[in-house]
Amino acid sequence: MNTNFRITKMKNLVMLSLLTVFALGKAVAQDSYGLTEVIQVENVSQKELYGRAKLWFINAFKSSKDVIQSEDAEQGMIVGKALFSYKPRNIMMGDVAGTVNYAVKVFVKDGRYKYDITDFRHEKCGMITTDEDCPCKFALTKGMNNKIWNDVKENCKKEAESLITDLKKKMSKKSEADF
């Protein structure tokens, strides 16, 4: 009897361990939504690109002082945290309006720069991922939750693409100080 109890206990422990590994694997497998790219800019120094990136931050956000979290001209980096208001396209999508926060990073070197627009977080649902299924329960059905999830992700994509278009335009122009 004692041996059967030990075997059962051991089986339960093994099963619990396997479930934990699978659950962690699923959590780790989630990729956060974001966009990144390295852009070549021929014959432009790191100093000039840094100035352009700083000017872009100043013009792209209402309060660049609130957005910029860290900057280092020598290392060629500007890191910021920004946000936008999310409003669902359809009133039937439930109470999901709110703020989406995200990180904006620009790194510069001689002749190139890199942007990272990542870490999108909806105030009511947390991290925005590339997952197909909505991790939150906004609505009564899975289908409606997924419609909301896709709408949130689409808004994140539009926000990022708008910033990227503007950044590319500003980074390709000579500084206004070069007259």
N, C-alpha and C. Protein backbone atom coordinates (compact mmCIF):
# COMPACT_ATOMS: atom_id res chain seq x y z
N MET A 1 0.82 -1.18 0.00
CA MET A 1 0.00 0.00 0.00
C MET A 1 0.87 1.25 0.00
N ASN A 2 1.89 1.24 0.79
CA ASN A 2 2.81 2.35 0.88
C ASN A 2 3.52 2.57 -0.46
N THR A 3 3.86 1.49 -1.17
CA THR A 3 4.52 1.56 -2.46
C THR A 3 3.57 2.18 -3.50
N ASN A 4 2.31 1.79 -3.51
CA ASN A 4 1.32 2.36 -4.43
C ASN A 4 1.13 3.85 -4.19
N PHE A 5 1.13 4.25 -2.95
CA PHE A 5 0.98 5.66 -2.60
C PHE A 5 2.17 6.46 -3.15
N ARG A 6 3.38 5.92 -3.02
CA ARG A 6 4.58 6.59 -3.53
C ARG A 6 4.55 6.69 -5.05
N ILE A 7 4.12 5.63 -5.72
CA ILE A 7 4.04 5.63 -7.18
C ILE A 7 3.02 6.67 -7.65
N THR A 8 1.88 6.71 -7.02
CA THR A 8 0.84 7.69 -7.37
C THR A 8 1.35 9.11 -7.14
N LYS A 9 2.00 9.32 -6.04
CA LYS A 9 2.55 10.63 -5.71
C LYS A 9 3.60 11.03 -6.74
N MET A 10 4.45 10.08 -7.13
CA MET A 10 5.48 10.33 -8.12
C MET A 10 4.87 10.66 -9.49
N LYS A 11 3.82 9.92 -9.89
CA LYS A 11 3.13 10.19 -11.16
C LYS A 11 2.54 11.60 -11.16
N ASN A 12 1.92 11.97 -10.04
CA ASN A 12 1.33 13.31 -9.93
C ASN A 12 2.41 14.39 -10.04
N LEU A 13 3.55 14.16 -9.42
CA LEU A 13 4.65 15.11 -9.46
C LEU A 13 5.20 15.25 -10.88
N VAL A 14 5.35 14.14 -11.58
CA VAL A 14 5.83 14.17 -12.96
C VAL A 14 4.82 14.91 -13.85
N MET A 15 3.53 14.61 -13.67
CA MET A 15 2.48 15.26 -14.46
C MET A 15 2.48 16.77 -14.21
N LEU A 16 2.58 17.17 -12.97
CA LEU A 16 2.62 18.59 -12.61
C LEU A 16 3.84 19.26 -13.23
N SER A 17 4.97 18.60 -13.22
CA SER A 17 6.20 19.14 -13.81
C SER A 17 6.03 19.34 -15.31
N LEU A 18 5.45 18.35 -15.98
CA LEU A 18 5.23 18.46 -17.42
C LEU A 18 4.26 19.59 -17.77
N LEU A 19 3.20 19.73 -17.01
CA LEU A 19 2.24 20.80 -17.23
C LEU A 19 2.89 22.17 -17.04
N THR A 20 3.74 22.27 -16.04
CA THR A 20 4.45 23.53 -15.79
C THR A 20 5.37 23.87 -16.95
N VAL A 21 6.10 22.89 -17.46
CA VAL A 21 7.01 23.11 -18.59
C VAL A 21 6.21 23.56 -19.81
N PHE A 22 5.08 22.91 -20.11
CA PHE A 22 4.27 23.30 -21.26
C PHE A 22 3.69 24.69 -21.07
N ALA A 23 3.24 25.02 -19.88
CA ALA A 23 2.68 26.35 -19.62
C ALA A 23 3.74 27.42 -19.78
N LEU A 24 4.93 27.18 -19.27
CA LEU A 24 6.02 28.15 -19.42
C LEU A 24 6.43 28.28 -20.87
N GLY A 25 6.45 27.19 -21.58
CA GLY A 25 6.77 27.22 -23.00
C GLY A 25 5.79 28.08 -23.77
N LYS A 26 4.53 27.98 -23.45
CA LYS A 26 3.49 28.78 -24.10
C LYS A 26 3.69 30.25 -23.77
N ALA A 27 3.98 30.58 -22.50
CA ALA A 27 4.17 31.97 -22.09
C ALA A 27 5.40 32.57 -22.76
N VAL A 28 6.47 31.81 -22.85
CA VAL A 28 7.69 32.30 -23.45
C VAL A 28 7.54 32.43 -24.96
N ALA A 29 6.71 31.60 -25.57
CA ALA A 29 6.55 31.60 -27.01
C ALA A 29 5.84 32.86 -27.52
N GLN A 30 5.20 33.61 -26.65
CA GLN A 30 4.51 34.82 -27.07
C GLN A 30 5.53 35.88 -27.44
N ASP A 31 5.41 36.39 -28.66
CA ASP A 31 6.29 37.47 -29.10
C ASP A 31 5.53 38.78 -28.96
N SER A 32 6.18 39.75 -28.33
CA SER A 32 5.52 41.05 -28.22
C SER A 32 5.54 41.71 -29.59
N TYR A 33 4.53 42.50 -29.85
CA TYR A 33 4.41 43.17 -31.14
C TYR A 33 5.40 44.33 -31.18
N GLY A 34 6.04 44.50 -32.31
CA GLY A 34 6.95 45.62 -32.48
C GLY A 34 7.54 45.64 -33.88
N LEU A 35 8.13 46.77 -34.22
CA LEU A 35 8.75 46.94 -35.53
C LEU A 35 10.17 47.46 -35.33
N THR A 36 11.10 46.95 -36.11
CA THR A 36 12.49 47.38 -36.03
C THR A 36 13.11 47.31 -37.43
N GLU A 37 14.05 48.19 -37.69
CA GLU A 37 14.70 48.20 -38.99
C GLU A 37 15.99 49.02 -38.89
N VAL A 38 16.98 48.63 -39.68
CA VAL A 38 18.22 49.40 -39.81
C VAL A 38 18.16 50.09 -41.17
N ILE A 39 18.41 51.39 -41.19
CA ILE A 39 18.34 52.19 -42.41
C ILE A 39 19.72 52.78 -42.70
N GLN A 40 20.18 52.60 -43.92
CA GLN A 40 21.45 53.18 -44.35
C GLN A 40 21.23 54.63 -44.78
N VAL A 41 22.12 55.52 -44.37
CA VAL A 41 22.08 56.92 -44.78
C VAL A 41 23.52 57.28 -45.16
N GLU A 42 23.80 57.25 -46.45
CA GLU A 42 25.16 57.43 -46.95
C GLU A 42 25.77 58.77 -46.54
N ASN A 43 27.02 58.72 -46.14
CA ASN A 43 27.84 59.92 -45.88
C ASN A 43 27.26 60.86 -44.83
N VAL A 44 26.61 60.32 -43.81
CA VAL A 44 26.08 61.14 -42.73
C VAL A 44 26.69 60.65 -41.43
N SER A 45 27.26 61.57 -40.67
CA SER A 45 27.95 61.19 -39.44
C SER A 45 26.96 60.81 -38.34
N GLN A 46 27.48 60.12 -37.35
CA GLN A 46 26.67 59.76 -36.18
C GLN A 46 26.15 61.03 -35.51
N LYS A 47 27.00 62.03 -35.41
CA LYS A 47 26.60 63.28 -34.75
C LYS A 47 25.41 63.92 -35.47
N GLU A 48 25.48 63.97 -36.79
CA GLU A 48 24.39 64.55 -37.58
C GLU A 48 23.11 63.71 -37.45
N LEU A 49 23.23 62.39 -37.52
CA LEU A 49 22.05 61.53 -37.38
C LEU A 49 21.44 61.66 -35.99
N TYR A 50 22.28 61.79 -34.98
CA TYR A 50 21.78 61.98 -33.61
C TYR A 50 20.97 63.27 -33.53
N GLY A 51 21.50 64.34 -34.11
CA GLY A 51 20.78 65.61 -34.12
C GLY A 51 19.43 65.50 -34.82
N ARG A 52 19.41 64.78 -35.94
CA ARG A 52 18.15 64.58 -36.66
C ARG A 52 17.15 63.77 -35.83
N ALA A 53 17.66 62.73 -35.18
CA ALA A 53 16.78 61.88 -34.35
C ALA A 53 16.23 62.68 -33.17
N LYS A 54 17.06 63.49 -32.55
CA LYS A 54 16.61 64.31 -31.41
C LYS A 54 15.53 65.30 -31.87
N LEU A 55 15.76 65.92 -33.01
CA LEU A 55 14.77 66.85 -33.56
C LEU A 55 13.47 66.12 -33.90
N TRP A 56 13.58 64.90 -34.41
CA TRP A 56 12.38 64.12 -34.70
C TRP A 56 11.58 63.86 -33.43
N PHE A 57 12.25 63.44 -32.34
CA PHE A 57 11.56 63.21 -31.07
C PHE A 57 10.84 64.48 -30.62
N ILE A 58 11.52 65.62 -30.74
CA ILE A 58 10.94 66.89 -30.31
C ILE A 58 9.67 67.21 -31.08
N ASN A 59 9.69 66.95 -32.39
CA ASN A 59 8.54 67.27 -33.23
C ASN A 59 7.46 66.20 -33.26
N ALA A 60 7.83 64.94 -33.03
CA ALA A 60 6.88 63.83 -33.15
C ALA A 60 5.94 63.70 -31.96
N PHE A 61 6.35 64.20 -30.81
CA PHE A 61 5.56 64.00 -29.60
C PHE A 61 5.23 65.35 -28.96
N LYS A 62 4.07 65.42 -28.34
CA LYS A 62 3.61 66.67 -27.73
C LYS A 62 4.60 67.19 -26.70
N SER A 63 5.14 66.29 -25.91
CA SER A 63 6.11 66.70 -24.90
C SER A 63 7.30 65.75 -24.94
N SER A 64 8.31 66.12 -25.72
CA SER A 64 9.47 65.24 -25.85
C SER A 64 10.18 65.06 -24.51
N LYS A 65 10.08 66.05 -23.62
CA LYS A 65 10.70 65.91 -22.29
C LYS A 65 10.06 64.78 -21.50
N ASP A 66 8.75 64.60 -21.67
CA ASP A 66 8.06 63.50 -20.98
C ASP A 66 8.32 62.16 -21.68
N VAL A 67 8.55 62.19 -22.97
CA VAL A 67 8.72 60.97 -23.74
C VAL A 67 10.14 60.42 -23.60
N ILE A 68 11.14 61.27 -23.78
CA ILE A 68 12.53 60.81 -23.75
C ILE A 68 12.91 60.39 -22.34
N GLN A 69 13.28 59.12 -22.21
CA GLN A 69 13.66 58.55 -20.92
C GLN A 69 15.17 58.52 -20.73
N SER A 70 15.89 58.38 -21.84
CA SER A 70 17.35 58.27 -21.77
C SER A 70 17.92 58.70 -23.11
N GLU A 71 19.06 59.39 -23.07
CA GLU A 71 19.73 59.78 -24.30
C GLU A 71 21.22 59.88 -24.05
N ASP A 72 21.98 59.55 -25.07
CA ASP A 72 23.43 59.58 -24.96
C ASP A 72 23.97 59.85 -26.36
N ALA A 73 24.45 61.07 -26.57
CA ALA A 73 24.96 61.46 -27.89
C ALA A 73 26.20 60.66 -28.26
N GLU A 74 27.08 60.39 -27.29
CA GLU A 74 28.30 59.62 -27.58
C GLU A 74 27.99 58.20 -28.02
N GLN A 75 27.05 57.57 -27.33
CA GLN A 75 26.65 56.20 -27.69
C GLN A 75 25.69 56.18 -28.87
N GLY A 76 25.11 57.33 -29.19
CA GLY A 76 24.19 57.42 -30.31
C GLY A 76 22.85 56.75 -30.05
N MET A 77 22.25 57.09 -28.91
CA MET A 77 20.97 56.44 -28.59
C MET A 77 20.01 57.42 -27.92
N ILE A 78 18.76 57.27 -28.30
CA ILE A 78 17.67 58.00 -27.65
C ILE A 78 16.57 56.97 -27.40
N VAL A 79 16.13 56.90 -26.15
CA VAL A 79 15.10 55.94 -25.76
C VAL A 79 13.93 56.71 -25.17
N GLY A 80 12.74 56.41 -25.64
CA GLY A 80 11.56 57.10 -25.14
C GLY A 80 10.41 56.15 -24.86
N LYS A 81 9.47 56.65 -24.09
CA LYS A 81 8.22 55.93 -23.84
C LYS A 81 7.08 56.86 -24.20
N ALA A 82 6.19 56.35 -25.04
CA ALA A 82 5.09 57.16 -25.54
C ALA A 82 3.78 56.42 -25.34
N LEU A 83 2.69 57.07 -25.71
CA LEU A 83 1.37 56.45 -25.59
C LEU A 83 0.42 57.03 -26.61
N PHE A 84 -0.65 56.30 -26.84
CA PHE A 84 -1.75 56.82 -27.64
C PHE A 84 -3.06 56.29 -27.06
N SER A 85 -4.13 57.00 -27.35
CA SER A 85 -5.45 56.59 -26.86
C SER A 85 -6.06 55.63 -27.87
N TYR A 86 -6.54 54.52 -27.34
CA TYR A 86 -7.21 53.53 -28.19
C TYR A 86 -8.71 53.65 -27.99
N LYS A 87 -9.41 53.76 -29.12
CA LYS A 87 -10.88 53.74 -29.12
C LYS A 87 -11.29 52.71 -30.16
N PRO A 88 -12.13 51.75 -29.76
CA PRO A 88 -12.54 50.72 -30.72
C PRO A 88 -13.35 51.32 -31.87
N ARG A 89 -13.24 50.68 -33.03
CA ARG A 89 -13.99 51.14 -34.22
C ARG A 89 -15.48 50.99 -34.04
N ASN A 90 -15.89 50.00 -33.27
CA ASN A 90 -17.29 49.64 -33.14
C ASN A 90 -17.69 49.71 -31.67
N ILE A 91 -18.76 50.38 -31.37
CA ILE A 91 -19.23 50.51 -29.99
C ILE A 91 -19.61 49.15 -29.40
N MET A 92 -19.91 48.18 -30.27
CA MET A 92 -20.27 46.84 -29.81
C MET A 92 -19.06 46.06 -29.29
N MET A 93 -17.89 46.63 -29.43
CA MET A 93 -16.67 45.94 -29.01
C MET A 93 -16.45 46.00 -27.51
N GLY A 94 -17.35 46.60 -26.79
CA GLY A 94 -17.25 46.58 -25.34
C GLY A 94 -16.40 47.70 -24.79
N ASP A 95 -16.10 47.60 -23.51
CA ASP A 95 -15.38 48.64 -22.79
C ASP A 95 -13.87 48.39 -22.86
N VAL A 96 -13.28 48.66 -24.02
CA VAL A 96 -11.85 48.42 -24.19
C VAL A 96 -11.08 49.69 -24.51
N ALA A 97 -11.78 50.82 -24.56
CA ALA A 97 -11.08 52.08 -24.81
C ALA A 97 -10.08 52.30 -23.69
N GLY A 98 -8.96 52.88 -24.04
CA GLY A 98 -7.94 53.14 -23.03
C GLY A 98 -6.63 53.54 -23.66
N THR A 99 -5.61 53.52 -22.86
CA THR A 99 -4.28 53.95 -23.29
C THR A 99 -3.41 52.76 -23.68
N VAL A 100 -2.65 52.95 -24.74
CA VAL A 100 -1.64 51.97 -25.14
C VAL A 100 -0.28 52.66 -25.01
N ASN A 101 0.58 52.10 -24.18
CA ASN A 101 1.94 52.60 -23.99
C ASN A 101 2.89 51.79 -24.85
N TYR A 102 4.00 52.39 -25.25
CA TYR A 102 5.00 51.68 -26.04
C TYR A 102 6.36 52.36 -25.93
N ALA A 103 7.40 51.66 -26.35
CA ALA A 103 8.76 52.19 -26.30
C ALA A 103 9.22 52.55 -27.71
N VAL A 104 9.96 53.65 -27.80
CA VAL A 104 10.56 54.10 -29.06
C VAL A 104 12.05 54.27 -28.81
N LYS A 105 12.86 53.55 -29.58
CA LYS A 105 14.31 53.65 -29.44
C LYS A 105 14.91 53.95 -30.79
N VAL A 106 15.84 54.90 -30.82
CA VAL A 106 16.58 55.20 -32.03
C VAL A 106 18.06 55.14 -31.69
N PHE A 107 18.80 54.34 -32.47
CA PHE A 107 20.24 54.19 -32.31
C PHE A 107 20.90 54.68 -33.59
N VAL A 108 21.97 55.45 -33.46
CA VAL A 108 22.64 55.98 -34.65
C VAL A 108 24.13 55.65 -34.63
N LYS A 109 24.65 55.43 -35.82
CA LYS A 109 26.08 55.24 -36.06
C LYS A 109 26.39 55.95 -37.38
N ASP A 110 27.65 56.11 -37.68
CA ASP A 110 28.01 56.73 -38.95
C ASP A 110 27.35 55.97 -40.10
N GLY A 111 26.57 56.68 -40.91
CA GLY A 111 25.98 56.10 -42.10
C GLY A 111 24.75 55.23 -41.91
N ARG A 112 24.24 55.11 -40.68
CA ARG A 112 23.04 54.29 -40.49
C ARG A 112 22.38 54.59 -39.15
N TYR A 113 21.12 54.20 -39.08
CA TYR A 113 20.39 54.29 -37.82
C TYR A 113 19.44 53.10 -37.73
N LYS A 114 19.03 52.83 -36.52
CA LYS A 114 18.10 51.74 -36.26
C LYS A 114 16.98 52.27 -35.38
N TYR A 115 15.77 51.87 -35.69
CA TYR A 115 14.65 52.20 -34.80
C TYR A 115 14.04 50.91 -34.27
N ASP A 116 13.56 50.98 -33.06
CA ASP A 116 12.79 49.91 -32.43
C ASP A 116 11.54 50.56 -31.85
N ILE A 117 10.39 50.13 -32.29
CA ILE A 117 9.13 50.58 -31.71
C ILE A 117 8.47 49.31 -31.19
N THR A 118 8.51 49.14 -29.87
CA THR A 118 8.17 47.86 -29.27
C THR A 118 7.42 48.03 -27.95
N ASP A 119 7.17 46.90 -27.33
CA ASP A 119 6.61 46.84 -25.97
C ASP A 119 5.26 47.55 -25.84
N PHE A 120 4.39 47.32 -26.80
CA PHE A 120 3.04 47.89 -26.74
C PHE A 120 2.28 47.23 -25.60
N ARG A 121 1.66 48.04 -24.76
CA ARG A 121 0.89 47.54 -23.62
C ARG A 121 -0.44 48.29 -23.52
N HIS A 122 -1.53 47.53 -23.61
CA HIS A 122 -2.86 48.09 -23.44
C HIS A 122 -3.16 48.13 -21.95
N GLU A 123 -3.68 49.24 -21.47
CA GLU A 123 -3.86 49.40 -20.02
C GLU A 123 -4.78 48.35 -19.39
N LYS A 124 -5.69 47.78 -20.17
CA LYS A 124 -6.62 46.80 -19.61
C LYS A 124 -6.24 45.36 -19.93
N CYS A 125 -5.32 45.18 -20.86
CA CYS A 125 -5.01 43.82 -21.29
C CYS A 125 -3.53 43.45 -21.19
N GLY A 126 -2.69 44.42 -21.00
CA GLY A 126 -1.27 44.12 -20.88
C GLY A 126 -0.56 44.10 -22.21
N MET A 127 0.47 43.27 -22.29
CA MET A 127 1.34 43.24 -23.46
C MET A 127 0.60 42.82 -24.72
N ILE A 128 0.82 43.59 -25.79
CA ILE A 128 0.27 43.25 -27.10
C ILE A 128 1.26 42.29 -27.76
N THR A 129 0.78 41.14 -28.14
CA THR A 129 1.64 40.12 -28.74
C THR A 129 1.20 39.82 -30.17
N THR A 130 1.95 38.97 -30.81
CA THR A 130 1.59 38.54 -32.16
C THR A 130 0.62 37.37 -32.15
N ASP A 131 0.22 36.93 -30.96
CA ASP A 131 -0.71 35.81 -30.85
C ASP A 131 -2.02 36.10 -31.58
N GLU A 132 -2.60 35.07 -32.15
CA GLU A 132 -3.87 35.20 -32.86
C GLU A 132 -5.03 35.37 -31.88
N ASP A 133 -4.98 34.65 -30.76
CA ASP A 133 -6.08 34.65 -29.81
C ASP A 133 -5.88 35.70 -28.72
N CYS A 134 -6.96 36.38 -28.41
CA CYS A 134 -6.94 37.41 -27.38
C CYS A 134 -6.77 36.79 -25.99
N PRO A 135 -5.80 37.26 -25.22
CA PRO A 135 -5.60 36.71 -23.87
C PRO A 135 -6.57 37.30 -22.85
N CYS A 136 -7.33 38.32 -23.24
CA CYS A 136 -8.24 39.00 -22.31
C CYS A 136 -9.69 38.65 -22.61
N LYS A 137 -10.52 38.91 -21.64
CA LYS A 137 -11.96 38.67 -21.81
C LYS A 137 -12.68 40.01 -21.81
N PHE A 138 -12.76 40.61 -23.00
CA PHE A 138 -13.46 41.88 -23.15
C PHE A 138 -14.95 41.65 -23.40
N ALA A 139 -15.24 40.62 -24.16
CA ALA A 139 -16.61 40.38 -24.62
C ALA A 139 -17.06 38.98 -24.22
N LEU A 140 -18.30 38.67 -24.56
CA LEU A 140 -18.88 37.38 -24.18
C LEU A 140 -18.38 36.21 -25.00
N THR A 141 -17.97 36.46 -26.24
CA THR A 141 -17.56 35.35 -27.09
C THR A 141 -16.08 35.45 -27.48
N LYS A 142 -15.48 34.32 -27.77
CA LYS A 142 -14.09 34.27 -28.21
C LYS A 142 -13.93 35.04 -29.52
N GLY A 143 -14.90 34.89 -30.41
CA GLY A 143 -14.84 35.58 -31.70
C GLY A 143 -14.79 37.09 -31.54
N MET A 144 -15.64 37.62 -30.66
CA MET A 144 -15.66 39.07 -30.44
C MET A 144 -14.36 39.52 -29.74
N ASN A 145 -13.87 38.72 -28.79
CA ASN A 145 -12.59 39.04 -28.14
C ASN A 145 -11.47 39.14 -29.18
N ASN A 146 -11.45 38.20 -30.12
CA ASN A 146 -10.41 38.21 -31.14
C ASN A 146 -10.55 39.39 -32.10
N LYS A 147 -11.78 39.81 -32.38
CA LYS A 147 -11.99 41.01 -33.21
C LYS A 147 -11.42 42.23 -32.49
N ILE A 148 -11.69 42.33 -31.21
CA ILE A 148 -11.16 43.45 -30.41
C ILE A 148 -9.64 43.40 -30.41
N TRP A 149 -9.08 42.22 -30.16
CA TRP A 149 -7.63 42.01 -30.11
C TRP A 149 -6.98 42.46 -31.43
N ASN A 150 -7.58 42.04 -32.54
CA ASN A 150 -7.04 42.42 -33.85
C ASN A 150 -7.15 43.92 -34.09
N ASP A 151 -8.22 44.53 -33.60
CA ASP A 151 -8.38 45.97 -33.73
C ASP A 151 -7.32 46.71 -32.92
N VAL A 152 -7.04 46.25 -31.71
CA VAL A 152 -5.99 46.86 -30.88
C VAL A 152 -4.64 46.73 -31.61
N LYS A 153 -4.35 45.54 -32.12
CA LYS A 153 -3.07 45.33 -32.82
C LYS A 153 -2.99 46.19 -34.08
N GLU A 154 -4.09 46.33 -34.80
CA GLU A 154 -4.11 47.17 -36.00
C GLU A 154 -3.83 48.63 -35.66
N ASN A 155 -4.38 49.10 -34.54
CA ASN A 155 -4.11 50.47 -34.10
C ASN A 155 -2.64 50.64 -33.71
N CYS A 156 -2.05 49.64 -33.08
CA CYS A 156 -0.61 49.69 -32.75
C CYS A 156 0.22 49.76 -34.02
N LYS A 157 -0.16 48.97 -35.01
CA LYS A 157 0.56 48.96 -36.29
C LYS A 157 0.46 50.33 -36.97
N LYS A 158 -0.73 50.92 -37.00
CA LYS A 158 -0.92 52.23 -37.62
C LYS A 158 -0.09 53.30 -36.90
N GLU A 159 -0.09 53.26 -35.57
CA GLU A 159 0.69 54.22 -34.79
C GLU A 159 2.17 54.08 -35.12
N ALA A 160 2.68 52.86 -35.12
CA ALA A 160 4.10 52.61 -35.40
C ALA A 160 4.45 53.02 -36.83
N GLU A 161 3.63 52.64 -37.79
CA GLU A 161 3.92 52.96 -39.19
C GLU A 161 3.91 54.46 -39.45
N SER A 162 3.02 55.18 -38.79
CA SER A 162 2.99 56.63 -38.92
C SER A 162 4.28 57.26 -38.38
N LEU A 163 4.72 56.77 -37.22
CA LEU A 163 5.98 57.27 -36.65
C LEU A 163 7.16 56.94 -37.55
N ILE A 164 7.18 55.72 -38.09
CA ILE A 164 8.29 55.28 -38.93
C ILE A 164 8.38 56.11 -40.20
N THR A 165 7.25 56.37 -40.82
CA THR A 165 7.23 57.19 -42.04
C THR A 165 7.80 58.56 -41.76
N ASP A 166 7.37 59.17 -40.67
CA ASP A 166 7.85 60.49 -40.30
C ASP A 166 9.34 60.45 -39.94
N LEU A 167 9.76 59.45 -39.19
CA LEU A 167 11.17 59.31 -38.81
C LEU A 167 12.05 59.18 -40.05
N LYS A 168 11.67 58.32 -40.97
CA LYS A 168 12.47 58.13 -42.19
C LYS A 168 12.61 59.43 -42.98
N LYS A 169 11.52 60.18 -43.04
CA LYS A 169 11.55 61.46 -43.76
C LYS A 169 12.51 62.43 -43.07
N LYS A 170 12.42 62.54 -41.75
CA LYS A 170 13.26 63.48 -41.00
C LYS A 170 14.73 63.04 -40.99
N MET A 171 14.97 61.75 -40.94
CA MET A 171 16.35 61.27 -40.88
C MET A 171 17.07 61.37 -42.23
N SER A 172 16.31 61.51 -43.31
CA SER A 172 16.93 61.62 -44.63
C SER A 172 17.21 63.08 -45.02
N LYS A 173 16.67 64.03 -44.27
CA LYS A 173 16.86 65.46 -44.57
C LYS A 173 18.02 66.02 -43.77
N LYS A 174 18.69 66.99 -44.37
CA LYS A 174 19.73 67.69 -43.64
C LYS A 174 19.09 68.46 -42.50
N SER A 175 19.83 68.61 -41.44
CA SER A 175 19.36 69.36 -40.28
C SER A 175 19.02 70.79 -40.68
N GLU A 176 18.03 71.36 -40.02
CA GLU A 176 17.64 72.76 -40.28
C GLU A 176 18.77 73.71 -39.94
N ALA A 177 19.71 73.26 -39.12
CA ALA A 177 20.85 74.10 -38.73
C ALA A 177 21.87 74.21 -39.88
N ASP A 178 21.78 73.28 -40.86
CA ASP A 178 22.68 73.31 -42.02
C ASP A 178 22.08 74.19 -43.12
N PHE A 179 22.30 75.49 -43.02
CA PHE A 179 21.76 76.39 -44.04
C PHE A 179 22.88 77.15 -44.71
